[in-house]
Amino acid sequence: MKLVQVAQHADDLERAATFYSALLRRQPAAMFDPPGLLFFDLDGVRLLLDRNAPSALIYLHVDNVHETLERIDSLAEVVSRPTVVFTHETDLLGPAGHDEWQAFIRDTEDNTVGLVAFQRR
């Protein structure tokens, strides 16, 4: 089984497109308005921003949490500063020998988004 799509609430698709294009460093795959749907392709998993979807807590992999926060500083409110949440001794939930860094931001649509990076100790 494979995850195909994750939906996230967005009131303003243009504003969400600008924010997520900057965060993800890619352009939307498609927009259908009406009915109010915006899609990004995240390496085979669709991120759907939808006016009718509920808010979801999504976690996005980034290369470096600190650098990502600096890059999108003016676009997002930081909810939680970067912190190491886990050290992976095995490959069970992340790459062995890496610290898992997480930070949380609030997007332009008032959703909380987790940023996750794995960095070698």
Protein backbone atom coordinates (compact mmCIF):
# COMPACT_ATOMS: atom_id res chain seq x y z
CA MET A 1 0.00 0.00 0.00
CA LYS A 2 1.20 3.51 -0.81
CA LEU A 3 0.11 6.96 0.32
CA VAL A 4 -1.35 8.77 -2.69
CA GLN A 5 -2.63 12.11 -1.40
CA VAL A 6 -2.79 14.32 1.66
CA ALA A 7 -5.35 17.13 1.82
CA GLN A 8 -4.86 20.41 3.65
CA HIS A 9 -7.30 23.28 4.09
CA ALA A 10 -6.73 26.50 2.14
CA ASP A 11 -9.09 29.48 1.95
CA ASP A 12 -7.05 31.41 -0.62
CA LEU A 13 -5.52 29.19 -3.31
CA GLU A 14 -3.33 31.93 -4.80
CA ARG A 15 -1.89 32.81 -1.39
CA ALA A 16 -1.39 29.10 -0.60
CA ALA A 17 0.29 28.57 -4.00
CA THR A 18 2.76 31.36 -3.28
CA PHE A 19 3.55 30.03 0.20
CA TYR A 20 3.89 26.36 -0.71
CA SER A 21 5.88 27.14 -3.88
CA ALA A 22 8.42 28.97 -1.70
CA LEU A 23 8.45 26.28 0.99
CA LEU A 24 8.60 23.29 -1.35
CA ARG A 25 10.78 24.96 -3.99
CA ARG A 26 8.47 23.77 -6.77
CA GLN A 27 5.49 25.06 -8.64
CA PRO A 28 1.97 23.64 -8.33
CA ALA A 29 1.22 20.63 -10.52
CA ALA A 30 -2.36 21.79 -11.16
CA MET A 31 -5.09 24.17 -9.98
CA PHE A 32 -8.80 23.72 -10.55
CA ASP A 33 -10.83 26.74 -9.49
CA PRO A 34 -13.70 26.13 -9.34
CA PRO A 35 -14.05 23.93 -7.36
CA GLY A 36 -11.05 25.20 -5.34
CA LEU A 37 -8.28 22.60 -5.61
CA LEU A 38 -4.51 23.15 -5.76
CA PHE A 39 -2.06 20.26 -6.20
CA PHE A 40 1.66 19.85 -5.59
CA ASP A 41 3.53 16.68 -6.52
CA LEU A 42 5.76 15.61 -3.63
CA ASP A 43 7.74 12.85 -5.30
CA GLY A 44 4.65 10.82 -6.21
CA VAL A 45 2.42 11.85 -3.30
CA ARG A 46 -0.05 14.63 -4.04
CA LEU A 47 -0.42 17.50 -1.59
CA LEU A 48 -3.93 18.84 -2.16
CA LEU A 49 -4.84 22.28 -0.87
CA ASP A 50 -8.62 22.35 -0.83
CA ARG A 51 -11.14 24.95 0.34
CA ASN A 52 -13.37 22.18 1.70
CA ALA A 53 -10.72 20.03 3.41
CA PRO A 54 -10.19 20.10 7.16
CA SER A 55 -6.87 21.24 8.55
CA ALA A 56 -4.31 18.45 8.86
CA LEU A 57 -0.97 18.32 10.63
CA ILE A 58 1.50 17.41 7.90
CA TYR A 59 5.23 16.86 8.29
CA LEU A 60 7.46 17.78 5.36
CA HIS A 61 11.03 16.57 4.90
CA VAL A 62 13.53 19.39 4.37
CA ASP A 63 17.31 19.24 4.02
CA ASN A 64 17.93 21.55 6.97
CA VAL A 65 15.26 22.89 9.34
CA HIS A 66 17.27 25.97 10.33
CA GLU A 67 18.00 26.99 6.72
CA THR A 68 14.38 26.42 5.69
CA LEU A 69 13.13 28.68 8.49
CA GLU A 70 15.58 31.40 7.41
CA ARG A 71 14.48 31.08 3.77
CA ILE A 72 10.73 31.40 4.49
CA ASP A 73 11.09 33.75 7.46
CA SER A 74 8.80 36.48 6.13
CA LEU A 75 6.14 34.00 4.92
CA ALA A 76 5.43 31.91 8.01
CA GLU A 77 4.99 32.23 11.74
CA VAL A 78 7.28 29.91 13.69
CA VAL A 79 5.21 27.93 16.19
CA SER A 80 8.08 25.83 17.55
CA ARG A 81 11.81 26.46 17.03
CA PRO A 82 14.05 23.63 15.76
CA THR A 83 14.85 20.90 18.24
CA VAL A 84 16.20 17.37 18.14
CA VAL A 85 13.27 15.07 18.88
CA PHE A 86 14.95 11.71 18.35
CA THR A 87 18.32 10.12 17.71
CA HIS A 88 18.06 7.19 15.29
CA GLU A 89 20.26 4.30 16.36
CA THR A 90 18.71 2.01 13.71
CA ASP A 91 16.95 2.54 10.37
CA LEU A 92 13.53 1.66 11.84
CA LEU A 93 12.02 5.19 11.68
CA GLY A 94 14.81 7.21 10.11
CA PRO A 95 18.40 6.86 8.95
CA ALA A 96 20.70 5.28 11.53
CA GLY A 97 23.30 7.62 12.98
CA HIS A 98 21.17 10.72 12.42
CA ASP A 99 19.41 13.19 14.70
CA GLU A 100 15.84 14.04 13.75
CA TRP A 101 15.25 17.78 13.89
CA GLN A 102 11.72 19.17 13.88
CA ALA A 103 10.24 22.66 13.82
CA PHE A 104 6.65 23.80 13.34
CA ILE A 105 5.32 26.73 11.37
CA ARG A 106 1.90 28.20 10.66
CA ASP A 107 1.18 28.55 6.95
CA THR A 108 -0.78 31.37 5.31
CA GLU A 109 -4.00 29.36 5.68
CA ASP A 110 -3.62 28.98 9.48
CA ASN A 111 -2.51 25.32 9.32
CA THR A 112 0.38 24.00 11.40
CA VAL A 113 3.09 22.32 9.32
CA GLY A 114 5.96 20.25 10.71
CA LEU A 115 9.40 20.52 9.14
CA VAL A 116 11.64 17.46 9.57
CA ALA A 117 15.33 17.03 8.78
CA PHE A 118 17.68 14.14 9.42
CA GLN A 119 21.21 15.26 10.17
CA ARG A 120 24.23 13.07 10.83
CA ARG A 121 25.51 13.32 14.39
